[in-house]
Amino acid sequence: MNDDGGSGDEDPPIEEILDTIGDEYARDVLAAICREPQSARELSEALDHSMQTVYRRIDLLEEHDLVSTRMRIADDGNHHQVYDSNFDGVLISVDDAEYDVEIYRRDDLPDRFGDLWDDLSMA
């Protein structure tokens, strides 16, 4: 599996990524957080899934580094975690009965600039 912008850790088996993306509830969560970051409660209400289902899918998506978590502070001072997609796209290809999964990660501008500079200096 190719992983543009990944952390360098060993990649999970392709089957695990495909199973995760193939899960209806995980896809629902991903689609919702791709539109805007949301808390587990917001996801549960918007998707009409139980909190337990939402948390299980978030855990699964976090295992494969498909979501990021941050703290959101409400106007009243309370805070809670919100979840956001941390990739721009996934490309799944099949060639000679072999699967390849490419995850295009969201990098912040300094990371992208550094990568571009490194690529140019090697050319």
Protein backbone atom coordinates (compact mmCIF):
# COMPACT_ATOMS: atom_id res chain seq x y z
CA MET A 1 0.00 0.00 0.00
CA ASN A 2 1.27 3.43 -0.85
CA ASP A 3 0.64 6.13 1.70
CA ASP A 4 1.53 9.64 0.60
CA GLY A 5 2.41 11.76 3.61
CA GLY A 6 2.20 8.91 6.12
CA SER A 7 4.02 8.61 9.38
CA GLY A 8 6.50 6.00 8.21
CA ASP A 9 5.03 3.28 10.41
CA GLU A 10 4.47 -0.15 8.93
CA ASP A 11 1.34 -0.14 6.78
CA PRO A 12 -1.63 -2.24 7.87
CA PRO A 13 -2.62 -5.09 5.56
CA ILE A 14 -4.56 -3.84 2.53
CA GLU A 15 -7.47 -6.10 3.46
CA GLU A 16 -7.90 -4.22 6.74
CA ILE A 17 -8.10 -0.87 4.94
CA LEU A 18 -10.59 -2.29 2.42
CA ASP A 19 -12.69 -3.82 5.21
CA THR A 20 -12.72 -0.50 7.05
CA ILE A 21 -13.73 1.49 3.99
CA GLY A 22 -16.25 -1.23 3.12
CA ASP A 23 -18.05 -0.90 6.45
CA GLU A 24 -21.31 1.04 5.94
CA TYR A 25 -21.16 2.76 9.34
CA ALA A 26 -17.51 3.73 8.92
CA ARG A 27 -18.33 5.21 5.50
CA ASP A 28 -21.22 7.17 7.06
CA VAL A 29 -18.86 8.62 9.68
CA LEU A 30 -16.20 9.44 7.08
CA ALA A 31 -18.72 11.15 4.79
CA ALA A 32 -20.06 13.24 7.67
CA ILE A 33 -16.66 14.38 8.95
CA CYS A 34 -15.44 15.12 5.42
CA ARG A 35 -18.14 17.79 5.26
CA GLU A 36 -17.23 19.27 8.65
CA PRO A 37 -15.56 18.18 11.90
CA GLN A 38 -18.08 16.78 14.36
CA SER A 39 -18.26 15.35 17.85
CA ALA A 40 -19.37 11.79 18.48
CA ARG A 41 -22.71 13.07 19.77
CA GLU A 42 -23.24 15.19 16.64
CA LEU A 43 -22.36 12.18 14.48
CA SER A 44 -24.70 9.93 16.44
CA GLU A 45 -27.59 12.35 16.04
CA ALA A 46 -26.94 13.23 12.39
CA LEU A 47 -26.44 9.62 11.30
CA ASP A 48 -29.03 8.07 13.62
CA HIS A 49 -26.42 5.59 14.88
CA SER A 50 -25.87 4.71 18.51
CA MET A 51 -22.99 6.35 20.35
CA GLN A 52 -21.41 2.92 20.75
CA THR A 53 -21.52 2.36 16.97
CA VAL A 54 -20.04 5.79 16.29
CA TYR A 55 -17.21 5.33 18.82
CA ARG A 56 -16.39 1.84 17.47
CA ARG A 57 -16.13 3.20 13.93
CA ILE A 58 -14.06 6.19 15.05
CA ASP A 59 -11.66 3.79 16.81
CA LEU A 60 -11.44 1.68 13.66
CA LEU A 61 -10.82 4.74 11.48
CA GLU A 62 -8.19 6.04 13.92
CA GLU A 63 -6.41 2.66 13.78
CA HIS A 64 -5.85 3.27 10.08
CA ASP A 65 -5.04 6.97 10.53
CA LEU A 66 -8.09 8.08 8.53
CA VAL A 67 -9.36 10.56 11.12
CA SER A 68 -7.80 13.13 13.38
CA THR A 69 -9.04 14.34 16.74
CA ARG A 70 -8.93 17.81 18.21
CA MET A 71 -10.53 19.64 21.10
CA ARG A 72 -13.33 22.13 20.42
CA ILE A 73 -14.22 24.72 23.06
CA ALA A 74 -17.87 25.80 23.13
CA ASP A 75 -19.04 29.35 23.84
CA ASP A 76 -19.99 28.30 27.38
CA GLY A 77 -16.43 27.12 28.07
CA ASN A 78 -17.18 23.40 27.85
CA HIS A 79 -14.95 21.41 25.55
CA HIS A 80 -15.27 18.14 23.68
CA GLN A 81 -13.43 16.17 21.03
CA VAL A 82 -14.31 16.55 17.39
CA TYR A 83 -13.26 14.27 14.59
CA ASP A 84 -12.11 15.24 11.13
CA SER A 85 -10.98 13.38 8.05
CA ASN A 86 -7.23 13.68 7.61
CA PHE A 87 -6.99 12.63 4.00
CA ASP A 88 -8.04 14.07 0.66
CA GLY A 89 -8.74 10.83 -1.16
CA VAL A 90 -8.27 7.11 -1.45
CA LEU A 91 -7.42 5.33 -4.68
CA ILE A 92 -7.97 1.59 -4.86
CA SER A 93 -6.60 -0.20 -7.89
CA VAL A 94 -6.51 -3.84 -8.93
CA ASP A 95 -3.79 -5.16 -11.20
CA ASP A 96 -3.22 -8.85 -11.89
CA ALA A 97 -5.46 -9.78 -8.94
CA GLU A 98 -3.38 -7.63 -6.57
CA TYR A 99 -4.84 -4.68 -4.70
CA ASP A 100 -3.10 -1.40 -4.16
CA VAL A 101 -4.48 1.30 -1.86
CA GLU A 102 -3.14 4.85 -2.01
CA ILE A 103 -4.21 7.26 0.72
CA TYR A 104 -3.63 10.89 -0.12
CA ARG A 105 -3.06 12.58 3.22
CA ARG A 106 -3.73 16.17 4.12
CA ASP A 107 -0.45 17.86 4.85
CA ASP A 108 -0.14 21.32 6.21
CA LEU A 109 1.51 23.90 3.99
CA PRO A 110 4.96 23.77 5.67
CA ASP A 111 5.06 19.97 5.22
CA ARG A 112 4.07 20.22 1.56
CA PHE A 113 6.67 22.93 0.94
CA GLY A 114 9.36 20.87 2.67
CA ASP A 115 8.45 17.80 0.61
CA LEU A 116 8.52 19.85 -2.59
CA TRP A 117 11.89 21.32 -1.67
CA ASP A 118 13.30 17.87 -0.90
CA ASP A 119 12.00 16.54 -4.22
CA LEU A 120 13.54 19.45 -6.12
CA SER A 121 16.90 19.10 -4.39
CA MET A 122 17.08 15.40 -5.34
CA ALA A 123 16.33 16.08 -9.01
